[in-house]
Amino acid sequence: MRMARKRLLRLVGRNQININKGEGSEVKKIKIGVLLSTIIFTIGILSGCETKSEKLSQVKIAYFGNITHSQALLQRDDGSLQKALGSNTKIKWEKFSAGSAEVESLLAGEVDIGYIGPGPAINAYTKSNGDIQVIAGAADAGAILVSKKGADIKSVKDLKNKRVAIPQYGNTQDLTLRILLYENGLKDRAKGGNVEIVEAENSDIKTLLGKGSIDAALVPEPWGTRLVNEVKAKVVLNYEDIWRKGQYPTAIVVARKEFVKAHPDIVEKFVKNLVEETNKVNSNRDNSEKAINRQLKEITGKGLSKKILDSSFERIKVTNNPEKDAVLDMANWSFKAGFIKSKADLKDMFNLSFLNRALKESGKAEIK
């Protein structure tokens, strides 16, 4: 490519473009302009080809140190993704504890691929004007609604005039709570209703619920199980009763559109490995739980008991389906709640071509 560019540049430098001497100056100018434009255009194409063929030395992957991001934890533990990418492309794992922080890193180009909740993913897509794409799913459901010990809360309707905590405004648990409230004739106090929605980190929710400072919480696993076991919280709604019988995403996988275009081979290998890790969790949960727990201990300094892990995974569906219809519904609720400024057009949000090829190769049905 470089040789071709040099030859073209020498051609211009030595004035080897032949213009008919009998033609007027205006015609000469036009011909020279056309030829120069053609040369510049050709050089641009050659430059683009050269850039696209360059090897990627590092891929930056975002994840949470949580069991809803099981595939990421397995990829870190068994090294299978690094092996699939080869020794020339190193993985830089970027750990986050909040979707909003991950969104900012995605928009800044500091992350290439990310495990993330659908709420923040919608926010990233709208903020970037479509530059963030969903390339696969990771986990469905995996959240429960609990009440504090001794509270007389038997249903969602009993949340009237109560304080209910969620991990983050605009995340999956927040959006599903708002849907539950709406379906039961209730509303967030900030919107003129009578239920106070409180934002707090999962660890703080445990403290608040234990002290009785909040009445209820809608949290992801393993925190739901931990609240039940450690502060004697009572389950009000199990995972399948939260929304859509549990068929909604808790974690999906996104990538920057620019990265997907520039490095489709990396995305292909990543998604293929993702499907393999998903199959591994579902076919051998005991071994997968042990590997996931090793990672949790390494990342957080403390693993989970087998009892909590087993109970948590009973409420999580590890899947590659991003549940498009549920995400579209979530986008409408994000708009209603004011988390996104305008109604989102999500027609280009999903790029499942890599996923469907990987599913087909593994003998599984494609996702439409």
Protein backbone atom coordinates (compact mmCIF):
# COMPACT_ATOMS: atom_id res chain seq x y z
CA MET A 1 0.00 0.00 0.00
CA ARG A 2 2.79 2.41 0.92
CA MET A 3 4.63 1.74 -2.36
CA ALA A 4 1.50 2.54 -4.36
CA ARG A 5 1.05 5.81 -2.50
CA LYS A 6 4.69 6.79 -3.10
CA ARG A 7 4.38 6.11 -6.82
CA LEU A 8 1.28 8.30 -7.03
CA LEU A 9 3.00 11.12 -5.16
CA ARG A 10 6.08 10.90 -7.43
CA LEU A 11 3.75 11.07 -10.40
CA VAL A 12 2.45 14.44 -9.23
CA GLY A 13 5.87 15.71 -8.10
CA ARG A 14 7.51 15.11 -11.47
CA ASN A 15 4.64 16.66 -13.45
CA GLN A 16 4.05 13.44 -15.37
CA ILE A 17 0.38 14.25 -15.92
CA ASN A 18 0.07 14.96 -19.63
CA ILE A 19 -2.30 17.75 -20.59
CA ASN A 20 -2.99 18.49 -24.26
CA LYS A 21 -1.00 21.61 -25.06
CA GLY A 22 -3.59 22.81 -27.52
CA GLU A 23 -6.29 23.13 -24.90
CA GLY A 24 -7.21 26.39 -23.19
CA SER A 25 -6.05 27.20 -19.69
CA GLU A 26 -9.52 26.68 -18.19
CA VAL A 27 -9.78 23.17 -19.66
CA LYS A 28 -6.27 22.41 -18.39
CA LYS A 29 -7.24 23.56 -14.90
CA ILE A 30 -10.35 21.37 -14.90
CA LYS A 31 -8.42 18.29 -16.08
CA ILE A 32 -5.64 18.83 -13.58
CA GLY A 33 -8.20 19.30 -10.80
CA VAL A 34 -10.01 16.09 -11.72
CA LEU A 35 -6.77 14.10 -11.90
CA LEU A 36 -5.48 15.47 -8.61
CA SER A 37 -8.81 14.72 -6.92
CA THR A 38 -8.66 11.16 -8.24
CA ILE A 39 -5.13 10.72 -6.92
CA ILE A 40 -6.00 12.15 -3.50
CA PHE A 41 -9.11 9.95 -3.33
CA THR A 42 -7.05 6.88 -4.24
CA ILE A 43 -4.43 7.71 -1.62
CA GLY A 44 -7.25 8.06 0.92
CA ILE A 45 -8.60 4.62 0.06
CA LEU A 46 -5.14 3.08 0.30
CA SER A 47 -4.56 4.81 3.64
CA GLY A 48 -7.88 3.49 4.95
CA CYS A 49 -7.03 -0.04 3.89
CA GLU A 50 -3.67 0.23 5.56
CA THR A 51 -5.18 1.47 8.86
CA LYS A 52 -7.86 -1.22 8.88
CA SER A 53 -5.29 -3.99 8.49
CA GLU A 54 -3.25 -2.81 11.46
CA LYS A 55 -3.15 -5.22 14.39
CA LEU A 56 -4.81 -4.27 17.66
CA SER A 57 -2.42 -4.51 20.60
CA GLN A 58 -5.03 -4.07 23.35
CA VAL A 59 -8.78 -4.46 23.77
CA LYS A 60 -10.43 -2.76 26.77
CA ILE A 61 -13.35 -4.69 28.26
CA ALA A 62 -15.62 -3.33 31.01
CA TYR A 63 -17.38 -5.48 33.59
CA PHE A 64 -18.81 -5.46 37.11
CA GLY A 65 -17.53 -7.70 39.90
CA ASN A 66 -20.98 -9.26 40.12
CA ILE A 67 -22.44 -12.66 39.28
CA THR A 68 -24.82 -11.10 36.76
CA HIS A 69 -21.64 -10.61 34.68
CA SER A 70 -20.78 -14.31 34.98
CA GLN A 71 -19.26 -14.69 31.52
CA ALA A 72 -16.80 -11.87 32.15
CA LEU A 73 -15.71 -13.48 35.42
CA LEU A 74 -15.24 -16.82 33.66
CA GLN A 75 -13.29 -15.21 30.82
CA ARG A 76 -10.96 -13.69 33.40
CA ASP A 77 -10.65 -16.94 35.33
CA ASP A 78 -10.02 -19.48 32.57
CA GLY A 79 -8.13 -17.24 30.13
CA SER A 80 -10.15 -18.62 27.22
CA LEU A 81 -10.85 -15.21 25.70
CA GLN A 82 -7.19 -14.20 25.85
CA LYS A 83 -6.32 -17.49 24.15
CA ALA A 84 -8.95 -16.86 21.45
CA LEU A 85 -7.60 -13.36 20.75
CA GLY A 86 -3.99 -14.52 20.60
CA SER A 87 -0.85 -13.24 22.26
CA ASN A 88 -0.62 -10.08 20.11
CA THR A 89 -3.88 -8.59 21.46
CA LYS A 90 -3.88 -8.19 25.22
CA ILE A 91 -7.07 -7.74 27.26
CA LYS A 92 -7.28 -4.84 29.67
CA TRP A 93 -10.13 -5.54 32.10
CA GLU A 94 -11.81 -2.38 33.40
CA LYS A 95 -13.91 -2.92 36.54
CA PHE A 96 -16.88 -0.65 37.28
CA SER A 97 -19.46 -0.53 40.05
CA ALA A 98 -21.93 1.85 38.37
CA GLY A 99 -23.38 1.87 34.88
CA SER A 100 -23.12 5.65 34.58
CA ALA A 101 -19.34 5.54 35.03
CA GLU A 102 -19.04 2.82 32.41
CA VAL A 103 -21.16 4.85 30.00
CA GLU A 104 -18.80 7.82 30.36
CA SER A 105 -15.81 5.59 29.62
CA LEU A 106 -17.52 4.13 26.56
CA LEU A 107 -18.35 7.58 25.23
CA ALA A 108 -14.77 8.73 25.83
CA GLY A 109 -13.39 5.75 23.90
CA GLU A 110 -11.71 4.39 27.04
CA VAL A 111 -13.65 1.10 26.77
CA ASP A 112 -14.18 -0.95 23.60
CA ILE A 113 -16.58 -3.67 24.77
CA GLY A 114 -18.65 -3.63 27.94
CA TYR A 115 -20.90 -5.79 30.08
CA ILE A 116 -23.57 -3.36 31.28
CA GLY A 117 -27.21 -3.05 32.32
CA PRO A 118 -29.83 -2.21 29.67
CA GLY A 119 -30.78 1.10 31.33
CA PRO A 120 -27.27 2.58 31.10
CA ALA A 121 -26.89 1.02 27.62
CA ILE A 122 -29.95 2.93 26.41
CA ASN A 123 -28.49 6.09 27.90
CA ALA A 124 -25.16 5.44 26.14
CA TYR A 125 -26.89 4.83 22.80
CA THR A 126 -28.92 8.03 22.96
CA LYS A 127 -26.05 10.18 24.28
CA SER A 128 -23.70 8.93 21.55
CA ASN A 129 -26.29 9.34 18.76
CA GLY A 130 -26.15 5.63 18.01
CA ASP A 131 -22.42 5.02 18.41
CA ILE A 132 -22.94 2.32 21.07
CA GLN A 133 -24.38 -1.01 19.87
CA VAL A 134 -25.74 -4.07 21.69
CA ILE A 135 -23.88 -7.13 20.39
CA ALA A 136 -25.24 -9.80 22.79
CA GLY A 137 -27.06 -10.55 26.01
CA ALA A 138 -25.49 -11.82 29.24
CA ALA A 139 -28.14 -12.38 31.93
CA ASP A 140 -31.89 -12.14 32.46
CA ALA A 141 -33.91 -11.42 35.63
CA GLY A 142 -31.78 -11.97 38.75
CA ALA A 143 -33.52 -9.38 40.97
CA ILE A 144 -36.07 -9.56 43.78
CA LEU A 145 -38.21 -7.14 45.78
CA VAL A 146 -37.72 -7.50 49.53
CA SER A 147 -39.07 -5.73 52.62
CA LYS A 148 -37.43 -5.05 55.98
CA LYS A 149 -37.90 -7.48 58.83
CA GLY A 150 -41.31 -7.10 60.45
CA ALA A 151 -42.74 -4.80 57.77
CA ASP A 152 -46.36 -5.40 56.79
CA ILE A 153 -45.61 -5.42 53.06
CA LYS A 154 -47.21 -8.32 51.23
CA SER A 155 -47.58 -6.82 47.75
CA VAL A 156 -46.52 -3.86 45.63
CA LYS A 157 -49.66 -1.95 46.65
CA ASP A 158 -48.36 -1.99 50.24
CA LEU A 159 -45.43 0.20 49.16
CA LYS A 160 -47.69 3.26 49.36
CA ASN A 161 -46.06 5.92 51.57
CA LYS A 162 -42.96 3.74 51.92
CA ARG A 163 -39.25 4.24 51.13
CA VAL A 164 -37.92 1.79 48.53
CA ALA A 165 -34.24 1.54 47.57
CA ILE A 166 -32.65 0.71 44.25
CA PRO A 167 -28.90 0.61 43.38
CA GLN A 168 -28.96 3.48 40.87
CA TYR A 169 -31.46 5.81 39.25
CA GLY A 170 -32.14 4.74 35.67
CA ASN A 171 -30.72 1.23 36.04
CA THR A 172 -32.63 -2.01 35.44
CA GLN A 173 -33.95 -2.32 38.99
CA ASP A 174 -35.07 1.32 39.05
CA LEU A 175 -36.93 1.01 35.75
CA THR A 176 -38.61 -2.26 36.70
CA LEU A 177 -39.64 -0.77 40.06
CA ARG A 178 -41.26 2.18 38.28
CA ILE A 179 -43.11 -0.24 35.99
CA LEU A 180 -44.33 -2.20 39.04
CA LEU A 181 -45.53 0.98 40.73
CA TYR A 182 -47.37 2.12 37.60
CA GLU A 183 -49.06 -1.28 37.20
CA ASN A 184 -50.30 -1.03 40.79
CA GLY A 185 -51.54 2.55 40.67
CA LEU A 186 -48.54 4.03 42.47
CA LYS A 187 -45.89 6.57 41.48
CA ASP A 188 -42.53 7.98 42.51
CA ARG A 189 -42.91 10.82 45.03
CA ALA A 190 -40.61 13.00 42.89
CA LYS A 191 -43.25 12.74 40.14
CA GLY A 192 -46.14 13.63 42.43
CA GLY A 193 -46.74 10.13 43.77
CA ASN A 194 -46.54 8.52 47.19
CA VAL A 195 -43.56 6.14 47.04
CA GLU A 196 -40.10 7.49 47.80
CA ILE A 197 -37.45 5.88 45.60
CA VAL A 198 -34.06 5.97 47.31
CA GLU A 199 -30.77 5.55 45.43
CA ALA A 200 -28.03 3.71 47.35
CA GLU A 201 -25.22 1.28 46.64
CA ASN A 202 -26.07 -2.36 47.27
CA SER A 203 -23.85 -2.58 50.36
CA ASP A 204 -25.50 0.56 51.77
CA ILE A 205 -28.96 -0.84 51.03
CA LYS A 206 -28.09 -3.77 53.28
CA THR A 207 -27.18 -1.37 56.11
CA LEU A 208 -30.26 0.83 55.59
CA LEU A 209 -32.63 -2.14 55.48
CA GLY A 210 -31.03 -3.69 58.55
CA LYS A 211 -31.47 -0.44 60.50
CA GLY A 212 -35.03 0.03 59.24
CA SER A 213 -34.15 3.32 57.50
CA ILE A 214 -35.85 2.04 54.34
CA ASP A 215 -38.91 -0.17 54.04
CA ALA A 216 -38.09 -2.20 50.96
CA ALA A 217 -35.57 -2.67 48.16
CA LEU A 218 -35.42 -4.01 44.63
CA VAL A 219 -31.90 -5.36 44.14
CA PRO A 220 -29.97 -7.73 41.87
CA GLU A 221 -28.38 -10.97 42.99
CA PRO A 222 -26.46 -11.88 45.03
CA TRP A 223 -27.68 -8.92 47.08
CA GLY A 224 -31.28 -10.12 47.17
CA THR A 225 -30.21 -13.40 48.73
CA ARG A 226 -27.77 -11.62 51.04
CA LEU A 227 -30.51 -9.31 52.34
CA VAL A 228 -32.71 -12.31 53.10
CA ASN A 229 -29.90 -14.22 54.81
CA GLU A 230 -28.04 -11.42 56.58
CA VAL A 231 -30.69 -8.87 57.66
CA LYS A 232 -33.74 -11.17 57.64
CA ALA A 233 -35.47 -9.36 54.78
CA LYS A 234 -38.68 -10.90 53.46
CA VAL A 235 -39.23 -11.67 49.77
CA VAL A 236 -42.22 -9.71 48.46
CA LEU A 237 -41.75 -10.59 44.77
CA ASN A 238 -39.45 -13.27 43.40
CA TYR A 239 -37.52 -12.82 40.17
CA GLU A 240 -40.25 -14.20 37.87
CA ASP A 241 -42.86 -11.84 39.33
CA ILE A 242 -40.91 -8.60 38.88
CA TRP A 243 -41.58 -8.10 35.15
CA ARG A 244 -42.28 -10.13 31.99
CA LYS A 245 -42.04 -13.40 33.97
CA GLY A 246 -38.31 -12.84 34.32
CA GLN A 247 -37.72 -12.48 30.59
CA TYR A 248 -35.94 -9.15 30.70
CA PRO A 249 -32.20 -8.39 30.66
CA THR A 250 -30.17 -7.57 33.73
CA ALA A 251 -26.89 -7.51 31.82
CA ILE A 252 -26.13 -7.15 28.11
CA VAL A 253 -22.94 -6.63 26.10
CA VAL A 254 -22.28 -3.45 24.13
CA ALA A 255 -19.46 -2.21 21.91
CA ARG A 256 -18.49 1.05 20.30
CA LYS A 257 -19.69 1.13 16.69
CA GLU A 258 -16.35 2.54 15.58
CA PHE A 259 -14.55 -0.35 17.26
CA VAL A 260 -16.86 -2.93 15.66
CA LYS A 261 -16.18 -1.48 12.20
CA ALA A 262 -12.43 -1.25 12.72
CA HIS A 263 -11.93 -4.63 14.41
CA PRO A 264 -14.68 -7.08 13.37
CA ASP A 265 -12.28 -10.00 13.87
CA ILE A 266 -11.86 -9.11 17.56
CA VAL A 267 -15.62 -8.76 18.05
CA GLU A 268 -16.18 -12.08 16.27
CA LYS A 269 -13.76 -13.88 18.59
CA PHE A 270 -15.16 -12.17 21.67
CA VAL A 271 -18.78 -13.10 20.90
CA LYS A 272 -17.88 -16.68 20.00
CA ASN A 273 -16.11 -17.03 23.35
CA LEU A 274 -19.06 -15.37 25.11
CA VAL A 275 -21.39 -18.04 23.72
CA GLU A 276 -18.99 -20.76 24.87
CA GLU A 277 -18.84 -19.34 28.40
CA THR A 278 -22.64 -19.05 28.51
CA ASN A 279 -22.92 -22.72 27.55
CA LYS A 280 -20.37 -23.57 30.23
CA VAL A 281 -22.38 -21.89 33.01
CA ASN A 282 -25.58 -23.59 31.95
CA SER A 283 -24.08 -27.06 31.46
CA ASN A 284 -21.78 -27.17 34.50
CA ARG A 285 -23.00 -24.75 37.11
CA ASP A 286 -21.05 -26.18 40.06
CA ASN A 287 -17.66 -25.71 38.42
CA SER A 288 -18.72 -22.35 37.02
CA GLU A 289 -19.79 -21.15 40.46
CA LYS A 290 -16.38 -22.09 41.87
CA ALA A 291 -14.58 -20.19 39.10
CA ILE A 292 -16.86 -17.17 39.51
CA ASN A 293 -16.32 -17.20 43.26
CA ARG A 294 -12.55 -17.26 42.77
CA GLN A 295 -12.86 -14.09 40.73
CA LEU A 296 -15.16 -12.42 43.25
CA LYS A 297 -12.63 -13.14 45.98
CA GLU A 298 -9.80 -11.76 43.85
CA ILE A 299 -11.75 -8.64 42.84
CA THR A 300 -13.55 -7.80 46.09
CA GLY A 301 -11.38 -9.60 48.63
CA LYS A 302 -14.29 -11.80 49.70
CA GLY A 303 -16.12 -14.69 48.06
CA LEU A 304 -19.69 -15.86 48.60
CA SER A 305 -20.94 -18.92 50.45
CA LYS A 306 -22.22 -21.83 48.38
CA LYS A 307 -25.68 -21.26 49.86
CA ILE A 308 -25.80 -17.68 48.57
CA LEU A 309 -24.33 -18.61 45.19
CA ASP A 310 -26.80 -21.47 44.68
CA SER A 311 -29.78 -19.33 45.64
CA SER A 312 -28.60 -16.43 43.47
CA PHE A 313 -28.16 -18.57 40.38
CA GLU A 314 -31.66 -19.97 40.83
CA ARG A 315 -32.88 -16.44 40.09
CA ILE A 316 -30.54 -15.63 37.21
CA LYS A 317 -30.90 -16.88 33.67
CA VAL A 318 -27.49 -16.79 32.00
CA THR A 319 -28.27 -16.18 28.33
CA ASN A 320 -26.99 -14.60 25.13
CA ASN A 321 -30.41 -13.18 24.24
CA PRO A 322 -30.46 -9.39 24.83
CA GLU A 323 -34.30 -9.45 24.94
CA LYS A 324 -34.86 -6.69 22.38
CA ASP A 325 -38.56 -6.18 23.13
CA ALA A 326 -37.87 -5.69 26.84
CA VAL A 327 -35.10 -3.18 26.07
CA LEU A 328 -37.49 -1.22 23.83
CA ASP A 329 -40.01 -1.08 26.70
CA MET A 330 -37.26 0.04 29.07
CA ALA A 331 -36.35 2.85 26.68
CA ASN A 332 -39.92 4.15 26.84
CA TRP A 333 -39.80 4.07 30.63
CA SER A 334 -36.43 5.83 30.65
CA PHE A 335 -38.05 8.61 28.65
CA LYS A 336 -41.13 8.77 30.91
CA ALA A 337 -38.91 8.95 34.00
CA GLY A 338 -36.76 11.68 32.44
CA PHE A 339 -33.51 9.71 32.24
CA ILE A 340 -33.30 10.32 28.49
CA LYS A 341 -34.36 13.63 26.96
CA SER A 342 -36.29 12.39 23.94
CA LYS A 343 -38.04 9.24 22.85
CA ALA A 344 -35.33 6.92 21.61
CA ASP A 345 -35.22 5.46 18.11
CA LEU A 346 -33.51 2.15 18.80
CA LYS A 347 -33.77 0.59 15.34
CA ASP A 348 -29.97 0.56 14.94
CA MET A 349 -29.11 -0.20 18.57
CA PHE A 350 -28.78 -3.95 18.04
CA ASN A 351 -26.06 -5.57 15.93
CA LEU A 352 -26.59 -9.29 16.47
CA SER A 353 -24.81 -10.48 13.32
CA PHE A 354 -21.76 -11.69 15.27
CA LEU A 355 -23.94 -13.39 17.87
CA ASN A 356 -26.10 -15.18 15.32
CA ARG A 357 -23.05 -16.55 13.50
CA ALA A 358 -21.67 -17.84 16.80
CA LEU A 359 -25.02 -19.36 17.77
CA LYS A 360 -25.35 -21.04 14.39
CA GLU A 361 -21.85 -22.51 14.70
CA SER A 362 -22.73 -23.93 18.12
CA GLY A 363 -25.97 -25.45 16.81
CA LYS A 364 -28.29 -23.01 18.56
CA ALA A 365 -31.20 -20.99 17.20
CA GLU A 366 -30.49 -17.49 15.93
CA ILE A 367 -32.03 -14.45 17.62
CA LYS A 368 -34.19 -12.13 15.54
